[in-house]
Amino acid sequence: MITARSQPTFVVTFAVTYAIFYVVSVEYNLALFTYHPALEEFGFLVEKAKDGPAMYWYGWMATSAIAAFVLAALASWVPDGWAKRVWPGWSWVAPLSVMFVFVYILRRFFLR
């Protein structure tokens, strides 16, 4: 259970690791499940498109959330001395950096 003492560590760690795992999930297509909107069905892990396009976005978010939750839960158990060294600004710096990474990854769509 997360105590009030470890909540800031959990939140900062979750924000940073979610952003990082989201980039990794998108880049390597590590979707936990695939949604087929034309058929209105879900498939486990990454599946090819059946009838119409397949949506991996939900699966990428789920993969990132699970990985970030596990790492943030582990980080909430660190001693107080280490937890106080975590800068809360990382919860803003990491997601903003990830946005720039996505602009770089998707640059060919912007430069047509």
PDB file of N, CA and C in Angstrom:
ATOM      1  N   MET A   1       0.839  -1.181   0.000  1.00  0.00           N
ATOM      2  CA  MET A   1       0.000   0.000   0.000  1.00  0.00           C
ATOM      3  C   MET A   1       0.884   1.243   0.000  1.00  0.00           C
ATOM      4  N   ILE A   2       0.430   2.258  -0.683  1.00  0.00           N
ATOM      5  CA  ILE A   2       1.202   3.485  -0.797  1.00  0.00           C
ATOM      6  C   ILE A   2       0.844   4.388   0.378  1.00  0.00           C
ATOM      7  N   THR A   3       1.827   4.779   1.133  1.00  0.00           N
ATOM      8  CA  THR A   3       1.598   5.678   2.256  1.00  0.00           C
ATOM      9  C   THR A   3       1.758   7.122   1.803  1.00  0.00           C
ATOM     10  N   ALA A   4       1.340   8.037   2.658  1.00  0.00           N
ATOM     11  CA  ALA A   4       1.441   9.457   2.307  1.00  0.00           C
ATOM     12  C   ALA A   4       2.893   9.878   2.091  1.00  0.00           C
ATOM     13  N   ARG A   5       3.822   9.227   2.777  1.00  0.00           N
ATOM     14  CA  ARG A   5       5.232   9.546   2.645  1.00  0.00           C
ATOM     15  C   ARG A   5       5.748   9.168   1.262  1.00  0.00           C
ATOM     16  N   SER A   6       5.291   8.065   0.731  1.00  0.00           N
ATOM     17  CA  SER A   6       5.827   7.575  -0.542  1.00  0.00           C
ATOM     18  C   SER A   6       4.997   7.998  -1.749  1.00  0.00           C
ATOM     19  N   GLN A   7       3.891   8.685  -1.546  1.00  0.00           N
ATOM     20  CA  GLN A   7       3.040   9.070  -2.660  1.00  0.00           C
ATOM     21  C   GLN A   7       3.751   9.983  -3.669  1.00  0.00           C
ATOM     22  N   PRO A   8       4.489  11.014  -3.245  1.00  0.00           N
ATOM     23  CA  PRO A   8       5.197  11.834  -4.248  1.00  0.00           C
ATOM     24  C   PRO A   8       6.199  11.026  -5.076  1.00  0.00           C
ATOM     25  N   THR A   9       6.885  10.097  -4.448  1.00  0.00           N
ATOM     26  CA  THR A   9       7.833   9.256  -5.181  1.00  0.00           C
ATOM     27  C   THR A   9       7.097   8.399  -6.194  1.00  0.00           C
ATOM     28  N   PHE A  10       5.959   7.835  -5.795  1.00  0.00           N
ATOM     29  CA  PHE A  10       5.164   7.007  -6.697  1.00  0.00           C
ATOM     30  C   PHE A  10       4.695   7.819  -7.900  1.00  0.00           C
ATOM     31  N   VAL A  11       4.174   9.017  -7.649  1.00  0.00           N
ATOM     32  CA  VAL A  11       3.609   9.842  -8.719  1.00  0.00           C
ATOM     33  C   VAL A  11       4.681  10.286  -9.710  1.00  0.00           C
ATOM     34  N   VAL A  12       5.800  10.750  -9.196  1.00  0.00           N
ATOM     35  CA  VAL A  12       6.874  11.204 -10.090  1.00  0.00           C
ATOM     36  C   VAL A  12       7.426  10.030 -10.898  1.00  0.00           C
ATOM     37  N   THR A  13       7.644   8.906 -10.234  1.00  0.00           N
ATOM     38  CA  THR A  13       8.176   7.733 -10.938  1.00  0.00           C
ATOM     39  C   THR A  13       7.198   7.236 -11.980  1.00  0.00           C
ATOM     40  N   PHE A  14       5.911   7.224 -11.658  1.00  0.00           N
ATOM     41  CA  PHE A  14       4.905   6.777 -12.626  1.00  0.00           C
ATOM     42  C   PHE A  14       4.886   7.685 -13.847  1.00  0.00           C
ATOM     43  N   ALA A  15       4.906   9.003 -13.629  1.00  0.00           N
ATOM     44  CA  ALA A  15       4.861   9.943 -14.753  1.00  0.00           C
ATOM     45  C   ALA A  15       6.062   9.783 -15.682  1.00  0.00           C
ATOM     46  N   VAL A  16       7.222   9.628 -15.093  1.00  0.00           N
ATOM     47  CA  VAL A  16       8.447   9.511 -15.904  1.00  0.00           C
ATOM     48  C   VAL A  16       8.480   8.175 -16.642  1.00  0.00           C
ATOM     49  N   THR A  17       8.230   7.085 -15.929  1.00  0.00           N
ATOM     50  CA  THR A  17       8.343   5.765 -16.569  1.00  0.00           C
ATOM     51  C   THR A  17       7.218   5.511 -17.557  1.00  0.00           C
ATOM     52  N   TYR A  18       6.023   6.071 -17.322  1.00  0.00           N
ATOM     53  CA  TYR A  18       4.937   5.909 -18.296  1.00  0.00           C
ATOM     54  C   TYR A  18       5.324   6.543 -19.624  1.00  0.00           C
ATOM     55  N   ALA A  19       5.860   7.749 -19.566  1.00  0.00           N
ATOM     56  CA  ALA A  19       6.254   8.435 -20.797  1.00  0.00           C
ATOM     57  C   ALA A  19       7.330   7.656 -21.543  1.00  0.00           C
ATOM     58  N   ILE A  20       8.300   7.148 -20.808  1.00  0.00           N
ATOM     59  CA  ILE A  20       9.387   6.399 -21.452  1.00  0.00           C
ATOM     60  C   ILE A  20       8.881   5.082 -22.025  1.00  0.00           C
ATOM     61  N   PHE A  21       8.075   4.356 -21.261  1.00  0.00           N
ATOM     62  CA  PHE A  21       7.549   3.084 -21.758  1.00  0.00           C
ATOM     63  C   PHE A  21       6.587   3.287 -22.916  1.00  0.00           C
ATOM     64  N   TYR A  22       5.897   4.416 -22.977  1.00  0.00           N
ATOM     65  CA  TYR A  22       5.006   4.667 -24.099  1.00  0.00           C
ATOM     66  C   TYR A  22       5.800   4.805 -25.397  1.00  0.00           C
ATOM     67  N   VAL A  23       6.907   5.505 -25.344  1.00  0.00           N
ATOM     68  CA  VAL A  23       7.755   5.629 -26.541  1.00  0.00           C
ATOM     69  C   VAL A  23       8.271   4.256 -26.965  1.00  0.00           C
ATOM     70  N   VAL A  24       8.723   3.469 -26.014  1.00  0.00           N
ATOM     71  CA  VAL A  24       9.237   2.127 -26.324  1.00  0.00           C
ATOM     72  C   VAL A  24       8.125   1.255 -26.887  1.00  0.00           C
ATOM     73  N   SER A  25       6.924   1.329 -26.305  1.00  0.00           N
ATOM     74  CA  SER A  25       5.798   0.524 -26.785  1.00  0.00           C
ATOM     75  C   SER A  25       5.402   0.891 -28.207  1.00  0.00           C
ATOM     76  N   VAL A  26       5.403   2.173 -28.513  1.00  0.00           N
ATOM     77  CA  VAL A  26       5.049   2.602 -29.869  1.00  0.00           C
ATOM     78  C   VAL A  26       6.135   2.213 -30.861  1.00  0.00           C
ATOM     79  N   GLU A  27       7.373   2.444 -30.498  1.00  0.00           N
ATOM     80  CA  GLU A  27       8.482   2.180 -31.427  1.00  0.00           C
ATOM     81  C   GLU A  27       8.623   0.693 -31.752  1.00  0.00           C
ATOM     82  N   TYR A  28       8.429  -0.172 -30.771  1.00  0.00           N
ATOM     83  CA  TYR A  28       8.583  -1.615 -30.988  1.00  0.00           C
ATOM     84  C   TYR A  28       7.251  -2.348 -31.078  1.00  0.00           C
ATOM     85  N   ASN A  29       6.142  -1.605 -31.114  1.00  0.00           N
ATOM     86  CA  ASN A  29       4.787  -2.145 -31.228  1.00  0.00           C
ATOM     87  C   ASN A  29       4.523  -3.229 -30.172  1.00  0.00           C
ATOM     88  N   LEU A  30       4.665  -2.849 -28.925  1.00  0.00           N
ATOM     89  CA  LEU A  30       4.448  -3.762 -27.808  1.00  0.00           C
ATOM     90  C   LEU A  30       3.055  -3.555 -27.217  1.00  0.00           C
ATOM     91  N   ALA A  31       2.043  -3.774 -28.019  1.00  0.00           N
ATOM     92  CA  ALA A  31       0.667  -3.582 -27.577  1.00  0.00           C
ATOM     93  C   ALA A  31       0.202  -4.802 -26.790  1.00  0.00           C
ATOM     94  N   LEU A  32      -0.458  -4.558 -25.667  1.00  0.00           N
ATOM     95  CA  LEU A  32      -1.001  -5.635 -24.853  1.00  0.00           C
ATOM     96  C   LEU A  32      -2.201  -6.276 -25.539  1.00  0.00           C
ATOM     97  N   PHE A  33      -2.938  -5.477 -26.302  1.00  0.00           N
ATOM     98  CA  PHE A  33      -4.051  -5.993 -27.079  1.00  0.00           C
ATOM     99  C   PHE A  33      -4.268  -5.100 -28.294  1.00  0.00           C
ATOM    100  N   THR A  34      -5.026  -5.611 -29.252  1.00  0.00           N
ATOM    101  CA  THR A  34      -5.350  -4.896 -30.480  1.00  0.00           C
ATOM    102  C   THR A  34      -6.857  -4.768 -30.575  1.00  0.00           C
ATOM    103  N   TYR A  35      -7.317  -3.607 -30.994  1.00  0.00           N
ATOM    104  CA  TYR A  35      -8.744  -3.394 -31.180  1.00  0.00           C
ATOM    105  C   TYR A  35      -9.031  -3.296 -32.669  1.00  0.00           C
ATOM    106  N   HIS A  36     -10.042  -4.058 -33.110  1.00  0.00           N
ATOM    107  CA  HIS A  36     -10.485  -4.035 -34.511  1.00  0.00           C
ATOM    108  C   HIS A  36     -11.835  -3.324 -34.544  1.00  0.00           C
ATOM    109  N   PRO A  37     -11.852  -2.024 -34.881  1.00  0.00           N
ATOM    110  CA  PRO A  37     -13.106  -1.266 -34.794  1.00  0.00           C
ATOM    111  C   PRO A  37     -14.183  -1.719 -35.775  1.00  0.00           C
ATOM    112  N   ALA A  38     -13.817  -2.187 -36.955  1.00  0.00           N
ATOM    113  CA  ALA A  38     -14.822  -2.631 -37.920  1.00  0.00           C
ATOM    114  C   ALA A  38     -15.569  -3.866 -37.413  1.00  0.00           C
ATOM    115  N   LEU A  39     -14.864  -4.713 -36.689  1.00  0.00           N
ATOM    116  CA  LEU A  39     -15.471  -5.936 -36.144  1.00  0.00           C
ATOM    117  C   LEU A  39     -15.923  -5.758 -34.700  1.00  0.00           C
ATOM    118  N   GLU A  40     -15.521  -4.648 -34.089  1.00  0.00           N
ATOM    119  CA  GLU A  40     -15.818  -4.358 -32.683  1.00  0.00           C
ATOM    120  C   GLU A  40     -15.346  -5.493 -31.764  1.00  0.00           C
ATOM    121  N   GLU A  41     -14.093  -5.894 -31.957  1.00  0.00           N
ATOM    122  CA  GLU A  41     -13.534  -6.949 -31.111  1.00  0.00           C
ATOM    123  C   GLU A  41     -12.089  -6.635 -30.748  1.00  0.00           C
ATOM    124  N   PHE A  42     -11.665  -7.225 -29.647  1.00  0.00           N
ATOM    125  CA  PHE A  42     -10.300  -7.079 -29.160  1.00  0.00           C
ATOM    126  C   PHE A  42      -9.551  -8.380 -29.407  1.00  0.00           C
ATOM    127  N   GLY A  43      -8.241  -8.252 -29.647  1.00  0.00           N
ATOM    128  CA  GLY A  43      -7.378  -9.408 -29.795  1.00  0.00           C
ATOM    129  C   GLY A  43      -6.207  -9.292 -28.841  1.00  0.00           C
ATOM    130  N   PHE A  44      -5.718 -10.397 -28.347  1.00  0.00           N
ATOM    131  CA  PHE A  44      -4.604 -10.408 -27.404  1.00  0.00           C
ATOM    132  C   PHE A  44      -3.297 -10.150 -28.137  1.00  0.00           C
ATOM    133  N   LEU A  45      -2.481  -9.265 -27.598  1.00  0.00           N
ATOM    134  CA  LEU A  45      -1.197  -8.835 -28.155  1.00  0.00           C
ATOM    135  C   LEU A  45      -1.408  -8.197 -29.527  1.00  0.00           C
ATOM    136  N   VAL A  46      -0.385  -8.182 -30.351  1.00  0.00           N
ATOM    137  CA  VAL A  46      -0.439  -7.510 -31.650  1.00  0.00           C
ATOM    138  C   VAL A  46      -0.994  -8.481 -32.688  1.00  0.00           C
ATOM    139  N   GLU A  47      -2.053  -8.065 -33.353  1.00  0.00           N
ATOM    140  CA  GLU A  47      -2.651  -8.856 -34.428  1.00  0.00           C
ATOM    141  C   GLU A  47      -2.668  -8.026 -35.704  1.00  0.00           C
ATOM    142  N   LYS A  48      -2.636  -8.707 -36.823  1.00  0.00           N
ATOM    143  CA  LYS A  48      -2.750  -8.012 -38.106  1.00  0.00           C
ATOM    144  C   LYS A  48      -4.181  -7.521 -38.277  1.00  0.00           C
ATOM    145  N   ALA A  49      -4.341  -6.531 -39.145  1.00  0.00           N
ATOM    146  CA  ALA A  49      -5.671  -6.007 -39.432  1.00  0.00           C
ATOM    147  C   ALA A  49      -6.515  -7.082 -40.106  1.00  0.00           C
ATOM    148  N   LYS A  50      -7.743  -7.230 -39.640  1.00  0.00           N
ATOM    149  CA  LYS A  50      -8.639  -8.249 -40.204  1.00  0.00           C
ATOM    150  C   LYS A  50      -9.553  -7.631 -41.255  1.00  0.00           C
ATOM    151  N   ASP A  51     -10.451  -6.770 -40.832  1.00  0.00           N
ATOM    152  CA  ASP A  51     -11.379  -6.114 -41.748  1.00  0.00           C
ATOM    153  C   ASP A  51     -11.337  -4.630 -41.432  1.00  0.00           C
ATOM    154  N   GLY A  52     -10.490  -3.909 -42.134  1.00  0.00           N
ATOM    155  CA  GLY A  52     -10.271  -2.505 -41.813  1.00  0.00           C
ATOM    156  C   GLY A  52      -9.011  -2.357 -40.978  1.00  0.00           C
ATOM    157  N   PRO A  53      -8.743  -1.154 -40.536  1.00  0.00           N
ATOM    158  CA  PRO A  53      -7.506  -0.928 -39.776  1.00  0.00           C
ATOM    159  C   PRO A  53      -7.586  -1.501 -38.356  1.00  0.00           C
ATOM    160  N   ALA A  54      -6.426  -1.856 -37.842  1.00  0.00           N
ATOM    161  CA  ALA A  54      -6.314  -2.313 -36.453  1.00  0.00           C
ATOM    162  C   ALA A  54      -5.790  -1.155 -35.613  1.00  0.00           C
ATOM    163  N   MET A  55      -6.292  -1.041 -34.388  1.00  0.00           N
ATOM    164  CA  MET A  55      -5.871   0.043 -33.500  1.00  0.00           C
ATOM    165  C   MET A  55      -5.013  -0.542 -32.383  1.00  0.00           C
ATOM    166  N   TYR A  56      -3.784  -0.069 -32.303  1.00  0.00           N
ATOM    167  CA  TYR A  56      -2.856  -0.548 -31.277  1.00  0.00           C
ATOM    168  C   TYR A  56      -2.728   0.434 -30.121  1.00  0.00           C
ATOM    169  N   TRP A  57      -3.275   1.630 -30.258  1.00  0.00           N
ATOM    170  CA  TRP A  57      -3.072   2.696 -29.294  1.00  0.00           C
ATOM    171  C   TRP A  57      -3.506   2.293 -27.890  1.00  0.00           C
ATOM    172  N   TYR A  58      -4.665   1.657 -27.774  1.00  0.00           N
ATOM    173  CA  TYR A  58      -5.141   1.232 -26.458  1.00  0.00           C
ATOM    174  C   TYR A  58      -4.180   0.229 -25.828  1.00  0.00           C
ATOM    175  N   GLY A  59      -3.663  -0.662 -26.624  1.00  0.00           N
ATOM    176  CA  GLY A  59      -2.719  -1.660 -26.133  1.00  0.00           C
ATOM    177  C   GLY A  59      -1.403  -1.046 -25.695  1.00  0.00           C
ATOM    178  N   TRP A  60      -0.947  -0.027 -26.433  1.00  0.00           N
ATOM    179  CA  TRP A  60       0.285   0.664 -26.037  1.00  0.00           C
ATOM    180  C   TRP A  60       0.094   1.362 -24.696  1.00  0.00           C
ATOM    181  N   MET A  61      -1.068   1.978 -24.522  1.00  0.00           N
ATOM    182  CA  MET A  61      -1.340   2.660 -23.250  1.00  0.00           C
ATOM    183  C   MET A  61      -1.413   1.670 -22.092  1.00  0.00           C
ATOM    184  N   ALA A  62      -2.039   0.527 -22.317  1.00  0.00           N
ATOM    185  CA  ALA A  62      -2.140  -0.477 -21.256  1.00  0.00           C
ATOM    186  C   ALA A  62      -0.771  -1.051 -20.904  1.00  0.00           C
ATOM    187  N   THR A  63       0.038  -1.334 -21.904  1.00  0.00           N
ATOM    188  CA  THR A  63       1.391  -1.841 -21.662  1.00  0.00           C
ATOM    189  C   THR A  63       2.203  -0.841 -20.849  1.00  0.00           C
ATOM    190  N   SER A  64       2.131   0.427 -21.243  1.00  0.00           N
ATOM    191  CA  SER A  64       2.877   1.473 -20.540  1.00  0.00           C
ATOM    192  C   SER A  64       2.373   1.661 -19.114  1.00  0.00           C
ATOM    193  N   ALA A  65       1.073   1.603 -18.921  1.00  0.00           N
ATOM    194  CA  ALA A  65       0.503   1.804 -17.588  1.00  0.00           C
ATOM    195  C   ALA A  65       0.900   0.681 -16.634  1.00  0.00           C
ATOM    196  N   ILE A  66       0.871  -0.547 -17.108  1.00  0.00           N
ATOM    197  CA  ILE A  66       1.244  -1.677 -16.249  1.00  0.00           C
ATOM    198  C   ILE A  66       2.718  -1.602 -15.874  1.00  0.00           C
ATOM    199  N   ALA A  67       3.564  -1.353 -16.861  1.00  0.00           N
ATOM    200  CA  ALA A  67       5.004  -1.269 -16.585  1.00  0.00           C
ATOM    201  C   ALA A  67       5.311  -0.102 -15.652  1.00  0.00           C
ATOM    202  N   ALA A  68       4.685   1.045 -15.871  1.00  0.00           N
ATOM    203  CA  ALA A  68       4.923   2.211 -15.020  1.00  0.00           C
ATOM    204  C   ALA A  68       4.403   1.978 -13.607  1.00  0.00           C
ATOM    205  N   PHE A  69       3.270   1.316 -13.481  1.00  0.00           N
ATOM    206  CA  PHE A  69       2.724   1.040 -12.148  1.00  0.00           C
ATOM    207  C   PHE A  69       3.650   0.128 -11.361  1.00  0.00           C
ATOM    208  N   VAL A  70       4.170  -0.895 -11.998  1.00  0.00           N
ATOM    209  CA  VAL A  70       5.073  -1.828 -11.304  1.00  0.00           C
ATOM    210  C   VAL A  70       6.340  -1.109 -10.845  1.00  0.00           C
ATOM    211  N   LEU A  71       6.952  -0.331 -11.730  1.00  0.00           N
ATOM    212  CA  LEU A  71       8.168   0.386 -11.346  1.00  0.00           C
ATOM    213  C   LEU A  71       7.900   1.468 -10.296  1.00  0.00           C
ATOM    214  N   ALA A  72       6.767   2.145 -10.398  1.00  0.00           N
ATOM    215  CA  ALA A  72       6.443   3.166  -9.401  1.00  0.00           C
ATOM    216  C   ALA A  72       6.142   2.535  -8.046  1.00  0.00           C
ATOM    217  N   ALA A  73       5.497   1.373  -8.043  1.00  0.00           N
ATOM    218  CA  ALA A  73       5.245   0.676  -6.784  1.00  0.00           C
ATOM    219  C   ALA A  73       6.551   0.242  -6.138  1.00  0.00           C
ATOM    220  N   LEU A  74       7.491  -0.234  -6.944  1.00  0.00           N
ATOM    221  CA  LEU A  74       8.805  -0.598  -6.406  1.00  0.00           C
ATOM    222  C   LEU A  74       9.542   0.635  -5.886  1.00  0.00           C
ATOM    223  N   ALA A  75       9.410   1.746  -6.597  1.00  0.00           N
ATOM    224  CA  ALA A  75      10.090   2.974  -6.180  1.00  0.00           C
ATOM    225  C   ALA A  75       9.503   3.547  -4.894  1.00  0.00           C
ATOM    226  N   SER A  76       8.260   3.239  -4.609  1.00  0.00           N
ATOM    227  CA  SER A  76       7.649   3.769  -3.384  1.00  0.00           C
ATOM    228  C   SER A  76       8.188   3.080  -2.131  1.00  0.00           C
ATOM    229  N   TRP A  77       8.936   2.014  -2.309  1.00  0.00           N
ATOM    230  CA  TRP A  77       9.521   1.293  -1.179  1.00  0.00           C
ATOM    231  C   TRP A  77      10.947   1.732  -0.868  1.00  0.00           C
ATOM    232  N   VAL A  78      11.489   2.676  -1.631  1.00  0.00           N
ATOM    233  CA  VAL A  78      12.860   3.123  -1.371  1.00  0.00           C
ATOM    234  C   VAL A  78      12.901   3.916  -0.070  1.00  0.00           C
ATOM    235  N   PRO A  79      14.044   3.961   0.598  1.00  0.00           N
ATOM    236  CA  PRO A  79      14.159   4.711   1.849  1.00  0.00           C
ATOM    237  C   PRO A  79      13.923   6.216   1.653  1.00  0.00           C
ATOM    238  N   ASP A  80      13.572   6.889   2.747  1.00  0.00           N
ATOM    239  CA  ASP A  80      13.270   8.331   2.689  1.00  0.00           C
ATOM    240  C   ASP A  80      14.426   9.157   2.151  1.00  0.00           C
ATOM    241  N   GLY A  81      15.639   8.801   2.513  1.00  0.00           N
ATOM    242  CA  GLY A  81      16.802   9.565   2.056  1.00  0.00           C
ATOM    243  C   GLY A  81      16.926   9.585   0.549  1.00  0.00           C
ATOM    244  N   TRP A  82      16.672   8.459  -0.079  1.00  0.00           N
ATOM    245  CA  TRP A  82      16.736   8.379  -1.542  1.00  0.00           C
ATOM    246  C   TRP A  82      15.532   9.057  -2.173  1.00  0.00           C
ATOM    247  N   ALA A  83      14.366   8.906  -1.555  1.00  0.00           N
ATOM    248  CA  ALA A  83      13.139   9.470  -2.118  1.00  0.00           C
ATOM    249  C   ALA A  83      13.184  10.995  -2.145  1.00  0.00           C
ATOM    250  N   LYS A  84      13.851  11.603  -1.174  1.00  0.00           N
ATOM    251  CA  LYS A  84      13.933  13.065  -1.137  1.00  0.00           C
ATOM    252  C   LYS A  84      14.849  13.618  -2.221  1.00  0.00           C
ATOM    253  N   ARG A  85      15.673  12.786  -2.799  1.00  0.00           N
ATOM    254  CA  ARG A  85      16.576  13.225  -3.868  1.00  0.00           C
ATOM    255  C   ARG A  85      15.880  13.299  -5.222  1.00  0.00           C
ATOM    256  N   VAL A  86      14.692  12.715  -5.331  1.00  0.00           N
ATOM    257  CA  VAL A  86      13.962  12.713  -6.599  1.00  0.00           C
ATOM    258  C   VAL A  86      13.382  14.099  -6.828  1.00  0.00           C
ATOM    259  N   TRP A  87      13.754  14.706  -7.924  1.00  0.00           N
ATOM    260  CA  TRP A  87      13.286  16.034  -8.264  1.00  0.00           C
ATOM    261  C   TRP A  87      11.880  15.940  -8.859  1.00  0.00           C
ATOM    262  N   PRO A  88      10.879  16.620  -8.297  1.00  0.00           N
ATOM    263  CA  PRO A  88       9.512  16.546  -8.828  1.00  0.00           C
ATOM    264  C   PRO A  88       9.381  17.086 -10.250  1.00  0.00           C
ATOM    265  N   GLY A  89      10.312  17.899 -10.682  1.00  0.00           N
ATOM    266  CA  GLY A  89      10.272  18.441 -12.035  1.00  0.00           C
ATOM    267  C   GLY A  89      10.400  17.384 -13.121  1.00  0.00           C
ATOM    268  N   TRP A  90      10.912  16.207 -12.775  1.00  0.00           N
ATOM    269  CA  TRP A  90      11.013  15.131 -13.762  1.00  0.00           C
ATOM    270  C   TRP A  90       9.637  14.728 -14.284  1.00  0.00           C
ATOM    271  N   SER A  91       8.593  14.926 -13.472  1.00  0.00           N
ATOM    272  CA  SER A  91       7.252  14.564 -13.922  1.00  0.00           C
ATOM    273  C   SER A  91       6.764  15.474 -15.045  1.00  0.00           C
ATOM    274  N   TRP A  92       7.448  16.593 -15.276  1.00  0.00           N
ATOM    275  CA  TRP A  92       7.157  17.464 -16.409  1.00  0.00           C
ATOM    276  C   TRP A  92       8.210  17.335 -17.503  1.00  0.00           C
ATOM    277  N   VAL A  93       9.442  17.203 -17.114  1.00  0.00           N
ATOM    278  CA  VAL A  93      10.534  17.155 -18.091  1.00  0.00           C
ATOM    279  C   VAL A  93      10.438  15.909 -18.970  1.00  0.00           C
ATOM    280  N   ALA A  94      10.191  14.759 -18.372  1.00  0.00           N
ATOM    281  CA  ALA A  94      10.150  13.510 -19.147  1.00  0.00           C
ATOM    282  C   ALA A  94       9.015  13.501 -20.171  1.00  0.00           C
ATOM    283  N   PRO A  95       7.759  13.810 -19.804  1.00  0.00           N
ATOM    284  CA  PRO A  95       6.717  13.824 -20.838  1.00  0.00           C
ATOM    285  C   PRO A  95       6.943  14.873 -21.930  1.00  0.00           C
ATOM    286  N   LEU A  96       7.452  16.038 -21.565  1.00  0.00           N
ATOM    287  CA  LEU A  96       7.739  17.038 -22.595  1.00  0.00           C
ATOM    288  C   LEU A  96       8.839  16.562 -23.539  1.00  0.00           C
ATOM    289  N   SER A  97       9.836  15.903 -23.001  1.00  0.00           N
ATOM    290  CA  SER A  97      10.897  15.337 -23.842  1.00  0.00           C
ATOM    291  C   SER A  97      10.345  14.267 -24.766  1.00  0.00           C
ATOM    292  N   VAL A  98       9.433  13.462 -24.255  1.00  0.00           N
ATOM    293  CA  VAL A  98       8.823  12.421 -25.073  1.00  0.00           C
ATOM    294  C   VAL A  98       8.016  13.037 -26.218  1.00  0.00           C
ATOM    295  N   MET A  99       7.386  14.169 -25.975  1.00  0.00           N
ATOM    296  CA  MET A  99       6.665  14.843 -27.067  1.00  0.00           C
ATOM    297  C   MET A  99       7.612  15.225 -28.189  1.00  0.00           C
ATOM    298  N   PHE A 100       8.787  15.725 -27.846  1.00  0.00           N
ATOM    299  CA  PHE A 100       9.767  16.057 -28.879  1.00  0.00           C
ATOM    300  C   PHE A 100      10.280  14.809 -29.590  1.00  0.00           C
ATOM    301  N   VAL A 101      10.401  13.717 -28.862  1.00  0.00           N
ATOM    302  CA  VAL A 101      10.800  12.453 -29.486  1.00  0.00           C
ATOM    303  C   VAL A 101       9.750  12.022 -30.504  1.00  0.00           C
ATOM    304  N   PHE A 102       8.474  12.171 -30.168  1.00  0.00           N
ATOM    305  CA  PHE A 102       7.417  11.803 -31.119  1.00  0.00           C
ATOM    306  C   PHE A 102       7.381  12.731 -32.326  1.00  0.00           C
ATOM    307  N   VAL A 103       7.674  13.992 -32.127  1.00  0.00           N
ATOM    308  CA  VAL A 103       7.771  14.897 -33.278  1.00  0.00           C
ATOM    309  C   VAL A 103       8.887  14.427 -34.202  1.00  0.00           C
ATOM    310  N   TYR A 104       9.994  13.989 -33.627  1.00  0.00           N
ATOM    311  CA  TYR A 104      11.100  13.472 -34.444  1.00  0.00           C
ATOM    312  C   TYR A 104      10.702  12.169 -35.147  1.00  0.00           C
ATOM    313  N   ILE A 105      10.038  11.271 -34.422  1.00  0.00           N
ATOM    314  CA  ILE A 105       9.625   9.994 -35.019  1.00  0.00           C
ATOM    315  C   ILE A 105       8.631  10.226 -36.153  1.00  0.00           C
ATOM    316  N   LEU A 106       7.718  11.178 -35.980  1.00  0.00           N
ATOM    317  CA  LEU A 106       6.664  11.420 -36.965  1.00  0.00           C
ATOM    318  C   LEU A 106       6.988  12.566 -37.924  1.00  0.00           C
ATOM    319  N   ARG A 107       8.250  12.950 -38.018  1.00  0.00           N
ATOM    320  CA  ARG A 107       8.634  14.105 -38.825  1.00  0.00           C
ATOM    321  C   ARG A 107       8.287  13.939 -40.295  1.00  0.00           C
ATOM    322  N   ARG A 108       8.295  12.721 -40.802  1.00  0.00           N
ATOM    323  CA  ARG A 108       7.993  12.532 -42.226  1.00  0.00           C
ATOM    324  C   ARG A 108       6.524  12.870 -42.535  1.00  0.00           C
ATOM    325  N   PHE A 109       5.646  12.772 -41.534  1.00  0.00           N
ATOM    326  CA  PHE A 109       4.250  13.147 -41.749  1.00  0.00           C
ATOM    327  C   PHE A 109       4.060  14.655 -41.740  1.00  0.00           C
ATOM    328  N   PHE A 110       4.969  15.383 -41.068  1.00  0.00           N
ATOM    329  CA  PHE A 110       4.866  16.826 -41.011  1.00  0.00           C
ATOM    330  C   PHE A 110       5.576  17.509 -42.182  1.00  0.00           C
ATOM    331  N   LEU A 111       6.517  16.814 -42.821  1.00  0.00           N
ATOM    332  CA  LEU A 111       7.343  17.430 -43.861  1.00  0.00           C
ATOM    333  C   LEU A 111       6.945  17.003 -45.272  1.00  0.00           C
ATOM    334  N   ARG A 112       5.748  16.609 -45.480  1.00  0.00           N
ATOM    335  CA  ARG A 112       5.326  16.192 -46.820  1.00  0.00           C
ATOM    336  C   ARG A 112       5.056  17.357 -47.694  1.00  0.00           C
TER     337      ARG A 112
END
